[in-house]
Amino acid sequence: MTPVSRENVSVEQFADMALDVGVFLLASGAHCGRVFSNLKRLADRWGFPIHINPAFTGLTITVRDREQPERTVTRYHDAPPHNVHLAILTLFSRLSWRVLEERLPFSDVKRQIEAIKAKAGYNYWLVALAVGIACGSLCMLSGGDCRNALCAFTAAFAGAVLRVAVLRLRFNPMISFVAASFVTTVIAGADTIWHFGASPEATLATAVLYLVPGVPLINSVIDLIEGYLASALSRGLYAAFILLCIAAGMTFGITLLGIGNF
């Protein structure tokens, strides 16, 4: 029979719940320090010492029963496909604080965790629209006029839609970056060929910026500062390879259009 402690929560039960939360946080874009702080608050609620070893593809946690030190549990779980969702990070952070301060019961915490995990991701078309507006705005900030901005908006919107469509076909995610970069460059390059606006080079330079992996790059630096070296290196390499895929897509597009002076 499994020993239990504190509100009839066994170390195995808590380890399973913490691992479930941890891998979901990693996949949603949390850096390692944030994952640990959330899990630490949950562990403090029931008095379990906890240790984590995060990686890019999964999470290992070790939980020890303070009253029965011989009962130490280590669990590993693969992370689901990475999909940045900052609202999820906020909801888990608020929940972890409530669990610690209001001493919520275990069953209630598990129910709220499942409710957060069931929340839908960002709307497909709304994200593409926001991407187009952002790239159009960056084009104007880089010296482009309204016509250049409209070209950048169209190119980024089409590329964002295509990228999600490729991801839904369950191909390797890197293929989606090459395809989106290629299509975005071809559409934005039309401005260079037919000179719709006064500064077509701004259109071509800013339309692909939505593909830059900002969250992995920032998390890589934060992990490096906080001492999670293995995670920092893997996130940095992942981001660098995405940048290489973007460059490959742009090269194909520029070569196809015959743009030689970009």
Foldseek 3Di string as FASTA:
>chain_A
DADAADLRHGQVNLVVVLQVQLLACLLQQDFPVLSVVLSVLLCVLRVWDKDWQDANFWIKMWTADPVDRVDIDIDIDTRDHRDHAVVLSVQSNVLSVCCNPVVDRPVVSVVVNVVSVPDDGDDQLVVLQVLLQVLLVQLVVVPWDNQLSNLLSVLSSVLSNQLVVVVVVVDDSLVSLLVSLQSSQLSLCVCVVPVRIDCSVSSNVRSSVVQQPPSLQVSLVVCVVVVSPNRSVVSVVVNVVSVVSSVNSNVVNCVVVVPDPD
